[in-house]
């Protein structure tokens, strides 16, 4: 998968992000968000995850790890979307 094949949303709700990134349940996802395990922002009354910033944090600043994490995340997110359809 090349970088041009990756289409990621700018933000995601906490639950789908944590499911795709860590395979967490809903309760574990919100607990991780509260602990600050990944960045979140408030948009009105909603809590959203800025996807690229969160993936960069997971990668720990390593560009090669970021590429791999991003590709894995995009594939998992696509798989979850297909399962939901």
N, C-alpha and C. Protein backbone atom coordinates (compact mmCIF):
# COMPACT_ATOMS: atom_id res chain seq x y z
N UNK A 1 0.86 -1.17 0.00
CA UNK A 1 0.00 0.00 0.00
C UNK A 1 0.90 1.23 0.00
N UNK A 2 0.69 2.12 -0.94
CA UNK A 2 1.50 3.33 -1.01
C UNK A 2 0.81 4.46 -0.24
N UNK A 3 1.57 5.53 0.01
CA UNK A 3 1.01 6.67 0.73
C UNK A 3 -0.18 7.27 0.01
N UNK A 4 -0.21 7.19 -1.32
CA UNK A 4 -1.30 7.78 -2.08
C UNK A 4 -2.58 6.96 -1.96
N UNK A 5 -2.47 5.70 -1.53
CA UNK A 5 -3.64 4.85 -1.36
C UNK A 5 -4.35 5.11 -0.04
N UNK A 6 -3.70 5.81 0.87
CA UNK A 6 -4.25 6.00 2.20
C UNK A 6 -5.19 7.19 2.24
N UNK A 7 -6.40 6.93 2.62
CA UNK A 7 -7.36 8.00 2.83
C UNK A 7 -7.86 7.87 4.26
N UNK A 8 -7.44 8.78 5.10
CA UNK A 8 -7.84 8.76 6.50
C UNK A 8 -8.72 9.95 6.79
N UNK A 9 -9.72 9.77 7.64
CA UNK A 9 -10.51 10.93 8.06
C UNK A 9 -9.66 11.84 8.94
N UNK A 10 -10.01 13.10 8.98
CA UNK A 10 -9.28 14.06 9.81
C UNK A 10 -9.47 13.73 11.28
N UNK A 11 -10.71 13.43 11.66
CA UNK A 11 -11.01 13.04 13.04
C UNK A 11 -11.93 11.83 13.01
N UNK A 12 -11.94 11.12 14.12
CA UNK A 12 -12.86 10.01 14.33
C UNK A 12 -13.39 10.09 15.76
N UNK A 13 -14.59 9.57 15.99
CA UNK A 13 -15.04 9.42 17.37
C UNK A 13 -14.09 8.48 18.12
N UNK A 14 -14.07 8.58 19.41
CA UNK A 14 -13.16 7.79 20.25
C UNK A 14 -13.31 6.29 20.00
N UNK A 15 -14.53 5.81 20.00
CA UNK A 15 -14.75 4.36 19.92
C UNK A 15 -14.19 3.75 18.64
N UNK A 16 -14.52 4.27 17.43
CA UNK A 16 -13.96 3.64 16.23
C UNK A 16 -12.44 3.79 16.13
N UNK A 17 -11.90 4.92 16.61
CA UNK A 17 -10.45 5.06 16.58
C UNK A 17 -9.79 3.99 17.44
N UNK A 18 -10.25 3.87 18.68
CA UNK A 18 -9.64 2.91 19.61
C UNK A 18 -9.85 1.47 19.15
N UNK A 19 -10.96 1.22 18.50
CA UNK A 19 -11.22 -0.13 17.98
C UNK A 19 -10.23 -0.47 16.87
N UNK A 20 -10.03 0.47 15.93
CA UNK A 20 -9.12 0.23 14.82
C UNK A 20 -7.65 0.22 15.27
N UNK A 21 -7.30 1.12 16.17
CA UNK A 21 -5.90 1.23 16.58
C UNK A 21 -5.48 0.18 17.59
N UNK A 22 -6.36 -0.13 18.54
CA UNK A 22 -5.97 -0.99 19.66
C UNK A 22 -6.90 -2.17 19.91
N UNK A 23 -7.99 -2.27 19.13
CA UNK A 23 -9.01 -3.30 19.34
C UNK A 23 -9.60 -3.23 20.75
N UNK A 24 -9.90 -2.00 21.19
CA UNK A 24 -10.45 -1.79 22.53
C UNK A 24 -11.98 -1.79 22.50
N UNK A 25 -12.57 -2.22 23.58
CA UNK A 25 -14.02 -2.12 23.75
C UNK A 25 -14.39 -0.66 24.00
N UNK A 26 -15.68 -0.38 24.03
CA UNK A 26 -16.13 1.00 24.23
C UNK A 26 -15.65 1.55 25.57
N UNK A 27 -15.84 0.82 26.65
CA UNK A 27 -15.42 1.31 27.97
C UNK A 27 -13.92 1.52 28.04
N UNK A 28 -13.15 0.58 27.51
CA UNK A 28 -11.69 0.72 27.52
C UNK A 28 -11.25 1.88 26.64
N UNK A 29 -11.96 2.12 25.55
CA UNK A 29 -11.62 3.24 24.65
C UNK A 29 -11.77 4.57 25.37
N UNK A 30 -12.88 4.76 26.05
CA UNK A 30 -13.09 6.03 26.75
C UNK A 30 -12.15 6.17 27.95
N UNK A 31 -11.84 5.08 28.61
CA UNK A 31 -10.87 5.14 29.71
C UNK A 31 -9.49 5.55 29.19
N UNK A 32 -9.09 5.01 28.05
CA UNK A 32 -7.80 5.37 27.45
C UNK A 32 -7.79 6.83 27.03
N UNK A 33 -8.91 7.32 26.50
CA UNK A 33 -9.00 8.72 26.10
C UNK A 33 -8.89 9.63 27.32
N UNK A 34 -9.54 9.27 28.39
CA UNK A 34 -9.49 10.07 29.62
C UNK A 34 -8.07 10.09 30.20
N UNK A 35 -7.38 8.95 30.13
CA UNK A 35 -6.00 8.88 30.63
C UNK A 35 -5.03 9.66 29.75
N UNK A 36 -5.44 9.97 28.52
CA UNK A 36 -4.55 10.68 27.60
C UNK A 36 -3.66 9.75 26.81
N UNK A 37 -4.05 8.50 26.68
CA UNK A 37 -3.25 7.54 25.91
C UNK A 37 -3.16 7.94 24.44
N UNK A 38 -4.14 8.66 23.95
CA UNK A 38 -4.09 9.25 22.62
C UNK A 38 -4.78 10.60 22.70
N UNK A 39 -4.40 11.53 21.81
CA UNK A 39 -4.95 12.89 21.89
C UNK A 39 -6.43 12.92 21.50
N UNK A 40 -7.16 13.81 22.14
CA UNK A 40 -8.56 14.04 21.81
C UNK A 40 -8.82 15.54 21.76
N UNK A 41 -9.88 15.92 21.05
CA UNK A 41 -10.32 17.31 21.01
C UNK A 41 -11.83 17.31 21.22
N UNK A 42 -12.32 18.41 21.74
CA UNK A 42 -13.77 18.58 21.91
C UNK A 42 -14.29 19.42 20.76
N UNK A 43 -15.34 18.93 20.13
CA UNK A 43 -16.01 19.65 19.06
C UNK A 43 -17.47 19.73 19.48
N UNK A 44 -17.86 20.90 19.98
CA UNK A 44 -19.18 21.01 20.58
C UNK A 44 -19.24 20.09 21.78
N UNK A 45 -20.22 19.21 21.80
CA UNK A 45 -20.35 18.26 22.89
C UNK A 45 -19.70 16.92 22.59
N UNK A 46 -19.03 16.81 21.45
CA UNK A 46 -18.44 15.54 21.02
C UNK A 46 -16.96 15.49 21.35
N UNK A 47 -16.46 14.29 21.60
CA UNK A 47 -15.03 14.09 21.77
C UNK A 47 -14.53 13.35 20.53
N UNK A 48 -13.56 13.95 19.86
CA UNK A 48 -13.01 13.39 18.63
C UNK A 48 -11.52 13.15 18.78
N UNK A 49 -11.01 12.22 17.97
CA UNK A 49 -9.58 11.92 17.95
C UNK A 49 -9.01 12.48 16.65
N UNK A 50 -8.03 13.38 16.72
CA UNK A 50 -7.34 13.83 15.51
C UNK A 50 -6.44 12.68 15.03
N UNK A 51 -6.86 12.03 13.97
CA UNK A 51 -6.27 10.75 13.57
C UNK A 51 -4.76 10.84 13.34
N UNK A 52 -4.32 11.76 12.52
CA UNK A 52 -2.89 11.80 12.20
C UNK A 52 -2.03 12.14 13.43
N UNK A 53 -2.52 13.01 14.29
CA UNK A 53 -1.77 13.33 15.51
C UNK A 53 -1.69 12.12 16.43
N UNK A 54 -2.79 11.38 16.52
CA UNK A 54 -2.81 10.19 17.38
C UNK A 54 -1.88 9.11 16.84
N UNK A 55 -1.88 8.92 15.52
CA UNK A 55 -0.99 7.92 14.93
C UNK A 55 0.47 8.33 15.09
N UNK A 56 0.74 9.63 14.99
CA UNK A 56 2.11 10.10 15.21
C UNK A 56 2.56 9.83 16.64
N UNK A 57 1.66 10.00 17.59
CA UNK A 57 2.00 9.72 18.99
C UNK A 57 2.29 8.23 19.17
N UNK A 58 1.47 7.39 18.55
CA UNK A 58 1.67 5.94 18.64
C UNK A 58 3.03 5.56 18.05
N UNK A 59 3.41 6.22 16.95
CA UNK A 59 4.67 5.91 16.27
C UNK A 59 5.89 6.41 17.02
N UNK A 60 5.68 7.29 17.97
CA UNK A 60 6.79 7.78 18.79
C UNK A 60 7.80 8.63 18.04
N UNK A 61 7.36 9.28 16.95
CA UNK A 61 8.24 10.18 16.22
C UNK A 61 9.10 9.52 15.15
N UNK A 62 9.03 8.22 15.00
CA UNK A 62 9.82 7.51 13.99
C UNK A 62 9.04 7.48 12.67
N UNK A 63 9.57 8.10 11.61
CA UNK A 63 8.83 8.19 10.34
C UNK A 63 8.53 6.82 9.71
N UNK A 64 9.43 5.89 9.84
CA UNK A 64 9.18 4.56 9.27
C UNK A 64 8.09 3.82 10.04
N UNK A 65 8.10 3.96 11.35
CA UNK A 65 7.05 3.36 12.17
C UNK A 65 5.72 4.03 11.86
N UNK A 66 5.73 5.35 11.68
CA UNK A 66 4.51 6.07 11.34
C UNK A 66 3.91 5.55 10.04
N UNK A 67 4.73 5.31 9.03
CA UNK A 67 4.22 4.76 7.76
C UNK A 67 3.54 3.42 8.00
N UNK A 68 4.19 2.55 8.76
CA UNK A 68 3.64 1.23 9.02
C UNK A 68 2.36 1.31 9.84
N UNK A 69 2.38 2.13 10.88
CA UNK A 69 1.20 2.29 11.75
C UNK A 69 0.03 2.85 10.95
N UNK A 70 0.30 3.84 10.10
CA UNK A 70 -0.74 4.46 9.30
C UNK A 70 -1.35 3.46 8.32
N UNK A 71 -0.50 2.68 7.67
CA UNK A 71 -0.99 1.67 6.72
C UNK A 71 -1.83 0.62 7.45
N UNK A 72 -1.35 0.15 8.59
CA UNK A 72 -2.10 -0.84 9.37
C UNK A 72 -3.44 -0.27 9.84
N UNK A 73 -3.42 0.97 10.32
CA UNK A 73 -4.63 1.61 10.80
C UNK A 73 -5.65 1.77 9.68
N UNK A 74 -5.19 2.23 8.52
CA UNK A 74 -6.09 2.43 7.38
C UNK A 74 -6.73 1.11 6.95
N UNK A 75 -5.93 0.04 6.92
CA UNK A 75 -6.46 -1.27 6.54
C UNK A 75 -7.49 -1.76 7.56
N UNK A 76 -7.19 -1.61 8.84
CA UNK A 76 -8.11 -2.05 9.89
C UNK A 76 -9.40 -1.22 9.86
N UNK A 77 -9.28 0.09 9.65
CA UNK A 77 -10.45 0.95 9.59
C UNK A 77 -11.33 0.56 8.39
N UNK A 78 -10.72 0.28 7.27
CA UNK A 78 -11.47 -0.16 6.08
C UNK A 78 -12.19 -1.48 6.36
N UNK A 79 -11.50 -2.40 7.01
CA UNK A 79 -12.09 -3.69 7.36
C UNK A 79 -13.29 -3.50 8.29
N UNK A 80 -13.16 -2.65 9.29
CA UNK A 80 -14.25 -2.41 10.23
C UNK A 80 -15.44 -1.75 9.52
N UNK A 81 -15.16 -0.82 8.59
CA UNK A 81 -16.22 -0.19 7.81
C UNK A 81 -16.97 -1.21 6.97
N UNK A 82 -16.22 -2.13 6.34
CA UNK A 82 -16.86 -3.15 5.52
C UNK A 82 -17.70 -4.10 6.36
N UNK A 83 -17.24 -4.43 7.55
CA UNK A 83 -18.01 -5.30 8.44
C UNK A 83 -19.31 -4.62 8.89
N UNK A 84 -19.25 -3.32 9.08
CA UNK A 84 -20.42 -2.58 9.55
C UNK A 84 -21.47 -2.41 8.45
N UNK A 85 -21.03 -2.48 7.20
CA UNK A 85 -21.96 -2.28 6.07
C UNK A 85 -22.82 -3.48 5.81
